[in-house]
N, C-alpha and C. Protein backbone atom coordinates (compact mmCIF):
# COMPACT_ATOMS: atom_id res chain seq x y z
N MET A 1 -6.47 -19.21 -0.29
CA MET A 1 -5.53 -18.54 0.59
C MET A 1 -5.26 -17.12 0.09
N ALA A 2 -5.00 -16.23 1.02
CA ALA A 2 -4.76 -14.83 0.67
C ALA A 2 -3.51 -14.67 -0.18
N ARG A 3 -3.54 -13.67 -1.07
CA ARG A 3 -2.37 -13.27 -1.83
C ARG A 3 -1.82 -11.99 -1.19
N VAL A 4 -0.51 -11.83 -1.26
CA VAL A 4 0.14 -10.65 -0.68
C VAL A 4 0.65 -9.77 -1.82
N ILE A 5 0.20 -8.53 -1.84
CA ILE A 5 0.58 -7.61 -2.90
C ILE A 5 1.27 -6.39 -2.29
N MET A 6 2.37 -6.00 -2.89
CA MET A 6 3.09 -4.79 -2.51
C MET A 6 2.68 -3.70 -3.49
N GLN A 7 2.24 -2.56 -2.96
CA GLN A 7 1.63 -1.55 -3.83
C GLN A 7 1.96 -0.15 -3.37
N ALA A 8 2.08 0.78 -4.33
CA ALA A 8 2.20 2.20 -4.01
C ALA A 8 2.14 3.01 -5.30
N VAL A 9 1.87 4.28 -5.13
CA VAL A 9 2.06 5.26 -6.20
C VAL A 9 3.55 5.59 -6.22
N VAL A 10 4.14 5.65 -7.41
CA VAL A 10 5.60 5.77 -7.50
C VAL A 10 5.99 6.69 -8.64
N SER A 11 7.09 7.41 -8.45
CA SER A 11 7.63 8.24 -9.51
C SER A 11 8.35 7.37 -10.55
N VAL A 12 8.64 7.93 -11.69
CA VAL A 12 9.34 7.19 -12.73
C VAL A 12 10.71 6.73 -12.24
N ASP A 13 11.33 7.50 -11.34
CA ASP A 13 12.65 7.11 -10.83
C ASP A 13 12.57 6.28 -9.55
N GLY A 14 11.39 5.77 -9.20
CA GLY A 14 11.28 4.75 -8.17
C GLY A 14 11.07 5.22 -6.75
N TYR A 15 10.57 6.45 -6.56
CA TYR A 15 10.34 6.96 -5.21
C TYR A 15 8.84 7.09 -4.91
N ILE A 16 8.48 6.79 -3.66
CA ILE A 16 7.07 6.87 -3.25
C ILE A 16 6.79 8.11 -2.39
N ALA A 17 7.82 8.86 -2.06
CA ALA A 17 7.69 10.10 -1.30
C ALA A 17 9.04 10.80 -1.29
N TYR A 18 9.01 12.09 -0.94
CA TYR A 18 10.24 12.83 -0.71
C TYR A 18 10.85 12.37 0.62
N PRO A 19 12.11 12.76 0.91
CA PRO A 19 12.73 12.35 2.17
C PRO A 19 11.93 12.75 3.42
N ASP A 20 11.13 13.83 3.33
CA ASP A 20 10.33 14.27 4.48
C ASP A 20 8.94 13.61 4.51
N ASP A 21 8.72 12.59 3.67
CA ASP A 21 7.48 11.82 3.58
C ASP A 21 6.35 12.54 2.84
N SER A 22 6.57 13.76 2.37
CA SER A 22 5.54 14.41 1.55
C SER A 22 5.55 13.78 0.17
N VAL A 23 4.40 13.84 -0.52
CA VAL A 23 4.27 13.12 -1.79
C VAL A 23 4.28 14.03 -3.01
N GLY A 24 4.31 15.34 -2.81
CA GLY A 24 4.37 16.25 -3.94
C GLY A 24 3.29 15.94 -4.96
N PRO A 25 3.64 15.84 -6.25
CA PRO A 25 2.65 15.61 -7.30
C PRO A 25 2.22 14.15 -7.47
N LEU A 26 2.74 13.24 -6.64
CA LEU A 26 2.44 11.82 -6.84
C LEU A 26 0.95 11.51 -6.74
N PHE A 27 0.22 12.21 -5.89
CA PHE A 27 -1.19 11.89 -5.68
C PHE A 27 -2.13 12.79 -6.48
N ASP A 28 -1.60 13.61 -7.38
CA ASP A 28 -2.46 14.53 -8.14
C ASP A 28 -3.53 13.80 -8.95
N TRP A 29 -3.21 12.59 -9.42
CA TRP A 29 -4.18 11.86 -10.25
C TRP A 29 -5.41 11.43 -9.46
N TYR A 30 -5.32 11.45 -8.12
CA TYR A 30 -6.49 11.13 -7.29
C TYR A 30 -7.56 12.21 -7.35
N GLY A 31 -7.28 13.33 -7.99
CA GLY A 31 -8.27 14.40 -8.04
C GLY A 31 -8.48 14.98 -9.42
N ASN A 32 -8.04 14.29 -10.47
CA ASN A 32 -8.10 14.91 -11.80
C ASN A 32 -9.10 14.24 -12.75
N GLY A 33 -10.04 13.46 -12.22
CA GLY A 33 -10.96 12.75 -13.12
C GLY A 33 -12.40 13.12 -12.89
N ASP A 34 -13.27 12.39 -13.57
CA ASP A 34 -14.71 12.67 -13.47
C ASP A 34 -15.49 11.52 -12.84
N VAL A 35 -14.79 10.53 -12.29
CA VAL A 35 -15.44 9.40 -11.64
C VAL A 35 -15.05 9.39 -10.16
N THR A 36 -16.05 9.36 -9.28
CA THR A 36 -15.78 9.31 -7.85
C THR A 36 -15.65 7.87 -7.39
N ILE A 37 -14.55 7.59 -6.68
CA ILE A 37 -14.35 6.27 -6.10
C ILE A 37 -14.15 6.45 -4.60
N HIS A 38 -14.44 5.41 -3.84
CA HIS A 38 -14.36 5.47 -2.39
C HIS A 38 -13.34 4.43 -1.89
N ALA A 39 -12.33 4.91 -1.16
CA ALA A 39 -11.36 4.00 -0.57
C ALA A 39 -11.96 3.35 0.68
N ASN A 40 -12.72 4.11 1.42
CA ASN A 40 -13.41 3.64 2.63
C ASN A 40 -14.51 4.63 2.93
N GLU A 41 -15.09 4.55 4.12
CA GLU A 41 -16.21 5.46 4.42
C GLU A 41 -15.78 6.91 4.62
N LYS A 42 -14.47 7.16 4.75
CA LYS A 42 -13.98 8.52 4.99
C LYS A 42 -13.43 9.21 3.75
N TRP A 43 -12.84 8.45 2.85
CA TRP A 43 -12.10 9.07 1.75
C TRP A 43 -12.69 8.71 0.40
N SER A 44 -12.87 9.73 -0.41
CA SER A 44 -13.27 9.52 -1.80
C SER A 44 -12.35 10.34 -2.70
N PHE A 45 -12.23 9.89 -3.94
CA PHE A 45 -11.34 10.53 -4.90
C PHE A 45 -12.05 10.64 -6.23
N ARG A 46 -11.60 11.57 -7.06
CA ARG A 46 -12.14 11.71 -8.41
C ARG A 46 -11.02 11.39 -9.40
N VAL A 47 -11.17 10.27 -10.08
CA VAL A 47 -10.14 9.79 -10.99
C VAL A 47 -10.73 9.58 -12.38
N SER A 48 -9.87 9.30 -13.33
CA SER A 48 -10.34 9.02 -14.69
C SER A 48 -11.12 7.71 -14.71
N ARG A 49 -11.91 7.55 -15.74
CA ARG A 49 -12.71 6.33 -15.89
C ARG A 49 -11.82 5.09 -15.92
N ALA A 50 -10.68 5.18 -16.63
CA ALA A 50 -9.77 4.03 -16.72
C ALA A 50 -9.18 3.69 -15.35
N SER A 51 -8.78 4.71 -14.58
CA SER A 51 -8.23 4.46 -13.24
C SER A 51 -9.29 3.88 -12.32
N ALA A 52 -10.52 4.39 -12.41
CA ALA A 52 -11.60 3.87 -11.56
C ALA A 52 -11.85 2.40 -11.84
N ALA A 53 -11.84 2.01 -13.11
CA ALA A 53 -12.08 0.62 -13.48
C ALA A 53 -10.98 -0.30 -12.96
N TYR A 54 -9.77 0.22 -12.82
CA TYR A 54 -8.65 -0.57 -12.29
C TYR A 54 -8.63 -0.57 -10.76
N VAL A 55 -8.75 0.61 -10.16
CA VAL A 55 -8.56 0.77 -8.71
C VAL A 55 -9.71 0.17 -7.90
N THR A 56 -10.95 0.37 -8.34
CA THR A 56 -12.10 -0.05 -7.54
C THR A 56 -12.10 -1.55 -7.23
N PRO A 57 -11.96 -2.44 -8.21
CA PRO A 57 -11.94 -3.87 -7.87
C PRO A 57 -10.71 -4.26 -7.05
N PHE A 58 -9.60 -3.56 -7.24
CA PHE A 58 -8.41 -3.82 -6.44
C PHE A 58 -8.68 -3.49 -4.98
N TRP A 59 -9.17 -2.28 -4.70
CA TRP A 59 -9.48 -1.89 -3.32
C TRP A 59 -10.55 -2.81 -2.72
N ASP A 60 -11.53 -3.21 -3.51
CA ASP A 60 -12.61 -4.06 -2.99
C ASP A 60 -12.11 -5.45 -2.57
N THR A 61 -10.97 -5.89 -3.10
CA THR A 61 -10.44 -7.21 -2.80
C THR A 61 -9.55 -7.22 -1.56
N ILE A 62 -9.05 -6.03 -1.17
CA ILE A 62 -8.16 -5.94 0.00
C ILE A 62 -8.94 -6.24 1.27
N ARG A 63 -8.42 -7.16 2.08
CA ARG A 63 -9.03 -7.50 3.36
C ARG A 63 -8.18 -7.03 4.54
N CYS A 64 -6.85 -6.94 4.32
CA CYS A 64 -5.96 -6.55 5.41
C CYS A 64 -4.77 -5.79 4.83
N THR A 65 -4.33 -4.76 5.55
CA THR A 65 -3.17 -3.98 5.15
C THR A 65 -2.10 -4.11 6.24
N VAL A 66 -0.86 -4.27 5.81
CA VAL A 66 0.28 -4.35 6.73
C VAL A 66 1.09 -3.07 6.58
N ILE A 67 1.29 -2.35 7.68
CA ILE A 67 2.05 -1.10 7.62
C ILE A 67 3.11 -1.11 8.72
N GLY A 68 4.07 -0.20 8.60
CA GLY A 68 5.07 -0.03 9.63
C GLY A 68 4.63 1.01 10.65
N ARG A 69 5.36 1.07 11.73
CA ARG A 69 5.03 2.03 12.79
C ARG A 69 5.19 3.47 12.30
N HIS A 70 6.15 3.71 11.42
CA HIS A 70 6.36 5.06 10.90
C HIS A 70 5.11 5.56 10.16
N LEU A 71 4.57 4.73 9.28
CA LEU A 71 3.36 5.13 8.55
C LEU A 71 2.19 5.30 9.52
N PHE A 72 2.08 4.42 10.50
CA PHE A 72 1.04 4.57 11.51
C PHE A 72 1.16 5.92 12.19
N ASP A 73 2.36 6.29 12.59
CA ASP A 73 2.57 7.53 13.33
C ASP A 73 2.28 8.77 12.47
N ILE A 74 2.75 8.79 11.22
CA ILE A 74 2.55 10.00 10.41
C ILE A 74 1.12 10.17 9.92
N THR A 75 0.34 9.08 9.92
CA THR A 75 -1.07 9.19 9.51
C THR A 75 -2.03 9.19 10.70
N ASP A 76 -1.49 9.12 11.91
CA ASP A 76 -2.30 8.97 13.12
C ASP A 76 -3.19 7.74 13.00
N GLY A 77 -2.62 6.67 12.43
CA GLY A 77 -3.38 5.43 12.30
C GLY A 77 -4.69 5.63 11.55
N TRP A 78 -4.68 6.57 10.60
CA TRP A 78 -5.87 6.88 9.77
C TRP A 78 -7.11 7.05 10.64
N GLN A 79 -6.91 7.57 11.86
CA GLN A 79 -8.01 7.81 12.80
C GLN A 79 -8.86 6.55 13.03
N GLY A 80 -8.16 5.40 13.06
CA GLY A 80 -8.82 4.16 13.41
C GLY A 80 -9.57 3.48 12.29
N VAL A 81 -9.53 4.04 11.08
CA VAL A 81 -10.24 3.45 9.93
C VAL A 81 -9.21 2.98 8.91
N PRO A 82 -9.14 1.68 8.61
CA PRO A 82 -8.18 1.21 7.61
C PRO A 82 -8.33 1.96 6.29
N ALA A 83 -7.21 2.31 5.69
CA ALA A 83 -7.26 2.98 4.38
C ALA A 83 -7.89 2.07 3.34
N ALA A 84 -7.70 0.77 3.50
CA ALA A 84 -8.31 -0.22 2.62
C ALA A 84 -8.44 -1.52 3.41
N GLY A 85 -9.51 -2.25 3.17
CA GLY A 85 -9.71 -3.51 3.85
C GLY A 85 -10.37 -3.35 5.20
N GLU A 86 -10.48 -4.48 5.91
CA GLU A 86 -11.16 -4.48 7.21
C GLU A 86 -10.21 -4.47 8.39
N HIS A 87 -8.94 -4.81 8.17
CA HIS A 87 -7.97 -4.91 9.26
C HIS A 87 -6.66 -4.26 8.86
N VAL A 88 -5.91 -3.81 9.87
CA VAL A 88 -4.55 -3.30 9.68
C VAL A 88 -3.66 -4.01 10.68
N VAL A 89 -2.50 -4.48 10.21
CA VAL A 89 -1.48 -5.03 11.09
C VAL A 89 -0.30 -4.06 11.06
N VAL A 90 0.10 -3.58 12.23
CA VAL A 90 1.20 -2.62 12.35
C VAL A 90 2.44 -3.36 12.83
N VAL A 91 3.52 -3.27 12.05
CA VAL A 91 4.79 -3.86 12.47
C VAL A 91 5.45 -2.86 13.43
N THR A 92 5.60 -3.26 14.69
CA THR A 92 6.13 -2.34 15.69
C THR A 92 6.71 -3.12 16.86
N HIS A 93 7.68 -2.51 17.50
CA HIS A 93 8.25 -3.09 18.71
C HIS A 93 7.72 -2.38 19.96
N ARG A 94 6.82 -1.42 19.75
CA ARG A 94 6.23 -0.67 20.86
C ARG A 94 4.71 -0.82 20.79
N PRO A 95 4.03 -0.81 21.92
CA PRO A 95 2.57 -0.84 21.88
C PRO A 95 2.03 0.42 21.19
N LEU A 96 0.86 0.31 20.62
CA LEU A 96 0.23 1.50 20.05
C LEU A 96 -0.06 2.48 21.19
N PRO A 97 -0.02 3.78 20.91
CA PRO A 97 -0.19 4.77 21.98
C PRO A 97 -1.52 4.61 22.73
N GLU A 98 -1.45 4.70 24.05
CA GLU A 98 -2.66 4.56 24.88
C GLU A 98 -3.72 5.58 24.50
N GLU A 99 -3.30 6.82 24.22
CA GLU A 99 -4.29 7.86 23.88
C GLU A 99 -4.97 7.55 22.55
N TRP A 100 -4.23 6.95 21.60
CA TRP A 100 -4.83 6.57 20.31
C TRP A 100 -5.84 5.45 20.55
N LEU A 101 -5.47 4.46 21.32
CA LEU A 101 -6.38 3.34 21.62
C LEU A 101 -7.63 3.83 22.35
N ALA A 102 -7.49 4.85 23.20
CA ALA A 102 -8.65 5.40 23.91
C ALA A 102 -9.56 6.15 22.96
N ARG A 103 -8.99 6.84 21.98
CA ARG A 103 -9.81 7.58 21.00
C ARG A 103 -10.51 6.64 20.02
N PHE A 104 -9.87 5.52 19.70
CA PHE A 104 -10.41 4.61 18.69
C PHE A 104 -10.46 3.18 19.24
N PRO A 105 -11.27 2.94 20.27
CA PRO A 105 -11.25 1.64 20.95
C PRO A 105 -11.70 0.48 20.07
N ASP A 106 -12.48 0.75 19.02
CA ASP A 106 -12.98 -0.32 18.16
C ASP A 106 -12.18 -0.47 16.88
N ALA A 107 -11.07 0.24 16.77
CA ALA A 107 -10.27 0.19 15.55
C ALA A 107 -9.75 -1.23 15.33
N PRO A 108 -9.91 -1.77 14.12
CA PRO A 108 -9.45 -3.14 13.83
C PRO A 108 -7.96 -3.19 13.51
N PHE A 109 -7.16 -2.68 14.44
CA PHE A 109 -5.72 -2.62 14.27
C PHE A 109 -5.07 -3.66 15.18
N HIS A 110 -4.07 -4.35 14.64
CA HIS A 110 -3.35 -5.39 15.36
C HIS A 110 -1.87 -5.05 15.28
N THR A 111 -1.06 -5.62 16.14
CA THR A 111 0.38 -5.37 16.09
C THR A 111 1.14 -6.69 15.95
N ALA A 112 2.33 -6.57 15.39
CA ALA A 112 3.22 -7.72 15.22
C ALA A 112 4.64 -7.22 15.38
N GLY A 113 5.51 -8.07 15.91
CA GLY A 113 6.88 -7.67 16.19
C GLY A 113 7.84 -7.79 15.03
N SER A 114 7.41 -8.41 13.94
CA SER A 114 8.27 -8.56 12.76
C SER A 114 7.41 -8.56 11.51
N VAL A 115 8.06 -8.34 10.38
CA VAL A 115 7.34 -8.38 9.10
C VAL A 115 6.78 -9.78 8.86
N GLU A 116 7.56 -10.80 9.17
CA GLU A 116 7.11 -12.18 8.97
C GLU A 116 5.86 -12.48 9.79
N GLU A 117 5.89 -12.06 11.06
CA GLU A 117 4.73 -12.27 11.93
C GLU A 117 3.53 -11.48 11.43
N ALA A 118 3.76 -10.27 10.96
CA ALA A 118 2.68 -9.42 10.46
C ALA A 118 2.02 -10.02 9.23
N ILE A 119 2.82 -10.50 8.29
CA ILE A 119 2.26 -11.10 7.07
C ILE A 119 1.49 -12.36 7.44
N GLY A 120 2.01 -13.19 8.35
CA GLY A 120 1.30 -14.39 8.77
C GLY A 120 -0.05 -14.07 9.37
N LEU A 121 -0.11 -13.07 10.25
CA LEU A 121 -1.38 -12.66 10.85
C LEU A 121 -2.32 -12.08 9.80
N ALA A 122 -1.78 -11.26 8.91
CA ALA A 122 -2.60 -10.64 7.87
C ALA A 122 -3.21 -11.68 6.94
N VAL A 123 -2.45 -12.69 6.60
CA VAL A 123 -2.97 -13.76 5.74
C VAL A 123 -4.14 -14.47 6.43
N GLU A 124 -4.01 -14.72 7.73
CA GLU A 124 -5.12 -15.32 8.48
C GLU A 124 -6.35 -14.42 8.46
N LEU A 125 -6.14 -13.13 8.71
CA LEU A 125 -7.26 -12.18 8.75
C LEU A 125 -7.92 -11.99 7.39
N ALA A 126 -7.13 -12.12 6.33
CA ALA A 126 -7.64 -11.84 4.98
C ALA A 126 -8.44 -12.98 4.38
N GLY A 127 -8.31 -14.19 4.90
CA GLY A 127 -9.04 -15.32 4.31
C GLY A 127 -8.62 -15.54 2.87
N ASP A 128 -9.59 -15.45 1.95
CA ASP A 128 -9.29 -15.60 0.52
C ASP A 128 -9.07 -14.26 -0.16
N GLY A 129 -9.01 -13.19 0.61
CA GLY A 129 -8.85 -11.86 0.04
C GLY A 129 -7.40 -11.50 -0.19
N LEU A 130 -7.16 -10.22 -0.27
CA LEU A 130 -5.85 -9.69 -0.59
C LEU A 130 -5.24 -9.04 0.63
N VAL A 131 -3.95 -9.28 0.84
CA VAL A 131 -3.16 -8.57 1.85
C VAL A 131 -2.35 -7.52 1.11
N CYS A 132 -2.51 -6.26 1.48
CA CYS A 132 -1.78 -5.18 0.82
C CYS A 132 -0.68 -4.69 1.75
N VAL A 133 0.54 -4.66 1.23
CA VAL A 133 1.68 -4.13 1.96
C VAL A 133 2.15 -2.91 1.19
N PRO A 134 1.97 -1.70 1.74
CA PRO A 134 2.47 -0.53 1.03
C PRO A 134 3.97 -0.63 0.80
N ALA A 135 4.39 -0.15 -0.36
CA ALA A 135 5.81 -0.14 -0.69
C ALA A 135 6.57 0.75 0.29
N GLY A 136 7.88 0.63 0.29
CA GLY A 136 8.73 1.38 1.21
C GLY A 136 9.48 0.43 2.10
N ASP A 137 9.75 0.83 3.33
CA ASP A 137 10.58 0.03 4.22
C ASP A 137 9.97 -1.33 4.53
N VAL A 138 8.74 -1.36 5.03
CA VAL A 138 8.11 -2.63 5.39
C VAL A 138 7.83 -3.47 4.15
N GLY A 139 7.35 -2.84 3.09
CA GLY A 139 7.13 -3.57 1.84
C GLY A 139 8.42 -4.18 1.32
N GLY A 140 9.50 -3.41 1.37
CA GLY A 140 10.80 -3.92 0.93
C GLY A 140 11.27 -5.09 1.77
N GLN A 141 11.03 -5.03 3.09
CA GLN A 141 11.41 -6.15 3.95
C GLN A 141 10.61 -7.41 3.59
N ALA A 142 9.31 -7.24 3.35
CA ALA A 142 8.47 -8.38 2.97
C ALA A 142 8.91 -8.95 1.63
N PHE A 143 9.26 -8.06 0.70
CA PHE A 143 9.72 -8.48 -0.62
C PHE A 143 11.03 -9.26 -0.51
N THR A 144 11.96 -8.75 0.28
CA THR A 144 13.25 -9.42 0.49
C THR A 144 13.07 -10.79 1.12
N ALA A 145 12.09 -10.90 2.03
CA ALA A 145 11.84 -12.17 2.73
C ALA A 145 11.09 -13.17 1.86
N GLY A 146 10.73 -12.79 0.64
CA GLY A 146 10.01 -13.70 -0.26
C GLY A 146 8.54 -13.86 0.10
N LEU A 147 7.97 -12.88 0.79
CA LEU A 147 6.59 -12.98 1.24
C LEU A 147 5.59 -12.28 0.33
N VAL A 148 6.09 -11.63 -0.72
CA VAL A 148 5.24 -10.87 -1.64
C VAL A 148 4.96 -11.70 -2.89
N ASP A 149 3.68 -11.84 -3.23
CA ASP A 149 3.26 -12.60 -4.41
C ASP A 149 3.13 -11.73 -5.66
N GLU A 150 2.75 -10.47 -5.45
CA GLU A 150 2.45 -9.57 -6.57
C GLU A 150 2.97 -8.18 -6.26
N VAL A 151 3.24 -7.42 -7.32
CA VAL A 151 3.68 -6.03 -7.19
C VAL A 151 2.77 -5.18 -8.06
N ALA A 152 2.20 -4.12 -7.48
CA ALA A 152 1.36 -3.17 -8.22
C ALA A 152 1.96 -1.79 -8.07
N MET A 153 2.14 -1.11 -9.20
CA MET A 153 2.72 0.23 -9.21
C MET A 153 1.79 1.16 -9.96
N ASP A 154 1.50 2.30 -9.34
CA ASP A 154 0.78 3.38 -10.02
C ASP A 154 1.84 4.42 -10.37
N VAL A 155 2.36 4.35 -11.59
CA VAL A 155 3.52 5.15 -12.00
C VAL A 155 3.07 6.52 -12.50
N VAL A 156 3.58 7.55 -11.83
CA VAL A 156 3.24 8.93 -12.17
C VAL A 156 4.39 9.54 -12.97
N PRO A 157 4.11 10.26 -14.05
CA PRO A 157 5.18 10.81 -14.88
C PRO A 157 5.86 12.02 -14.23
N VAL A 158 6.65 11.73 -13.21
CA VAL A 158 7.44 12.75 -12.53
C VAL A 158 8.73 12.10 -12.05
N VAL A 159 9.81 12.85 -12.04
CA VAL A 159 11.08 12.40 -11.49
C VAL A 159 11.29 13.19 -10.19
N LEU A 160 11.26 12.51 -9.05
CA LEU A 160 11.44 13.19 -7.77
C LEU A 160 12.92 13.45 -7.45
N GLY A 161 13.80 12.58 -7.92
CA GLY A 161 15.22 12.81 -7.73
C GLY A 161 15.79 12.30 -6.42
N GLU A 162 14.96 12.14 -5.40
CA GLU A 162 15.39 11.61 -4.11
C GLU A 162 14.15 11.25 -3.32
N GLY A 163 14.36 10.45 -2.27
CA GLY A 163 13.22 10.16 -1.42
C GLY A 163 13.19 8.74 -0.91
N VAL A 164 11.97 8.29 -0.62
CA VAL A 164 11.72 6.96 -0.08
C VAL A 164 11.59 6.00 -1.26
N ARG A 165 12.44 4.98 -1.30
CA ARG A 165 12.45 4.05 -2.42
C ARG A 165 11.27 3.10 -2.38
N PHE A 166 10.71 2.77 -3.54
CA PHE A 166 9.59 1.83 -3.64
C PHE A 166 9.94 0.52 -2.95
N PHE A 167 11.12 -0.03 -3.22
CA PHE A 167 11.51 -1.32 -2.66
C PHE A 167 12.32 -1.18 -1.36
N GLY A 168 12.25 -0.03 -0.73
CA GLY A 168 12.94 0.16 0.54
C GLY A 168 14.42 -0.12 0.41
N SER A 169 14.96 -0.90 1.32
CA SER A 169 16.39 -1.20 1.30
C SER A 169 16.70 -2.51 0.57
N HIS A 170 15.74 -3.06 -0.15
CA HIS A 170 15.97 -4.32 -0.87
C HIS A 170 17.13 -4.18 -1.85
N THR A 171 17.97 -5.20 -1.87
CA THR A 171 19.01 -5.30 -2.89
C THR A 171 18.94 -6.70 -3.48
N GLY A 172 19.50 -6.86 -4.64
CA GLY A 172 19.48 -8.18 -5.28
C GLY A 172 18.45 -8.24 -6.38
N THR A 173 18.61 -9.21 -7.23
CA THR A 173 17.76 -9.38 -8.40
C THR A 173 16.61 -10.32 -8.11
N VAL A 174 15.41 -9.89 -8.44
CA VAL A 174 14.22 -10.73 -8.34
C VAL A 174 13.47 -10.58 -9.66
N LEU A 175 13.15 -11.69 -10.29
CA LEU A 175 12.42 -11.63 -11.56
C LEU A 175 10.92 -11.59 -11.32
N LEU A 176 10.25 -10.75 -12.10
CA LEU A 176 8.80 -10.68 -12.11
C LEU A 176 8.32 -11.20 -13.46
N ASP A 177 7.10 -11.72 -13.49
CA ASP A 177 6.49 -12.06 -14.78
C ASP A 177 6.22 -10.78 -15.55
N ASP A 178 5.96 -10.92 -16.84
CA ASP A 178 5.54 -9.75 -17.63
C ASP A 178 4.30 -9.14 -16.98
N PRO A 179 4.11 -7.83 -17.13
CA PRO A 179 2.92 -7.23 -16.52
C PRO A 179 1.66 -7.86 -17.10
N ASP A 180 0.75 -8.28 -16.21
CA ASP A 180 -0.52 -8.83 -16.70
C ASP A 180 -1.61 -7.78 -16.74
N THR A 181 -1.32 -6.60 -16.21
CA THR A 181 -2.24 -5.47 -16.29
C THR A 181 -1.43 -4.22 -16.59
N VAL A 182 -1.85 -3.49 -17.63
CA VAL A 182 -1.27 -2.20 -17.97
C VAL A 182 -2.44 -1.29 -18.32
N VAL A 183 -2.71 -0.30 -17.45
CA VAL A 183 -3.85 0.59 -17.65
C VAL A 183 -3.35 2.02 -17.63
N GLN A 184 -3.63 2.74 -18.71
CA GLN A 184 -3.24 4.15 -18.75
C GLN A 184 -4.38 5.01 -18.25
N GLY A 185 -4.16 5.68 -17.11
CA GLY A 185 -5.12 6.64 -16.60
C GLY A 185 -4.72 8.03 -17.03
N ASP A 186 -5.22 9.04 -16.33
CA ASP A 186 -4.86 10.42 -16.60
C ASP A 186 -3.73 10.80 -15.65
N ARG A 187 -2.51 10.95 -16.18
CA ARG A 187 -1.30 11.26 -15.41
C ARG A 187 -0.88 10.13 -14.49
N VAL A 188 -1.23 8.87 -14.85
CA VAL A 188 -0.79 7.70 -14.08
C VAL A 188 -0.86 6.48 -14.99
N LEU A 189 0.07 5.56 -14.79
CA LEU A 189 0.08 4.29 -15.50
C LEU A 189 0.04 3.18 -14.46
N HIS A 190 -1.03 2.38 -14.48
CA HIS A 190 -1.22 1.30 -13.51
C HIS A 190 -0.59 0.02 -14.06
N LEU A 191 0.32 -0.57 -13.28
CA LEU A 191 1.01 -1.80 -13.68
C LEU A 191 0.86 -2.84 -12.59
N HIS A 192 0.69 -4.09 -13.01
CA HIS A 192 0.59 -5.20 -12.06
C HIS A 192 1.46 -6.35 -12.54
N PHE A 193 2.27 -6.88 -11.62
CA PHE A 193 3.19 -7.98 -11.92
C PHE A 193 2.99 -9.10 -10.89
N THR A 194 3.27 -10.33 -11.30
CA THR A 194 3.37 -11.45 -10.37
C THR A 194 4.85 -11.76 -10.17
N VAL A 195 5.22 -12.04 -8.92
CA VAL A 195 6.61 -12.39 -8.62
C VAL A 195 6.87 -13.81 -9.10
N LYS A 196 7.94 -14.00 -9.84
CA LYS A 196 8.29 -15.35 -10.32
C LYS A 196 8.72 -16.22 -9.14
N ARG A 197 8.25 -17.45 -9.11
CA ARG A 197 8.63 -18.37 -8.04
C ARG A 197 9.45 -19.51 -8.62
């Protein structure tokens, strides 16, 4: 059965973007190395050898990504190509724009009316692979609902001071196991935790 992982690049003070959704220096590590990695057929990055060894098998395991309508809108649905995996489930109460569907008629994008419905569909689509839920509002909702099995953080040594929180609006204490992966890249620290059940 698929595992559900909440993931994002995050500042030391727990933000995944500024209030205007820009990422500032958070993504600088995607271009500071000597190893080229490919997220999909459109995007490639140059990262350190240590980051490549961590990120590549992680991306290769993702089968479905769950995103919110806000992320869909600000990225233009990644022009119909999932950032990772073969499918995207968009949590939305509105249909995807007709003009977007006309431009990308074969895009493997699905919609769901709630986070719970989205995770259920994503798990079906992912088979034995990984369901990735980006951190932030939708990720925080999935985490609060107890639907997240693992948490992965790419921690960048910067303090943003304000912005979009990694865990969204989640409140309350949730215990994680000790990190089972700690990889130091160049200007990034990759951490992976399992949620205690």
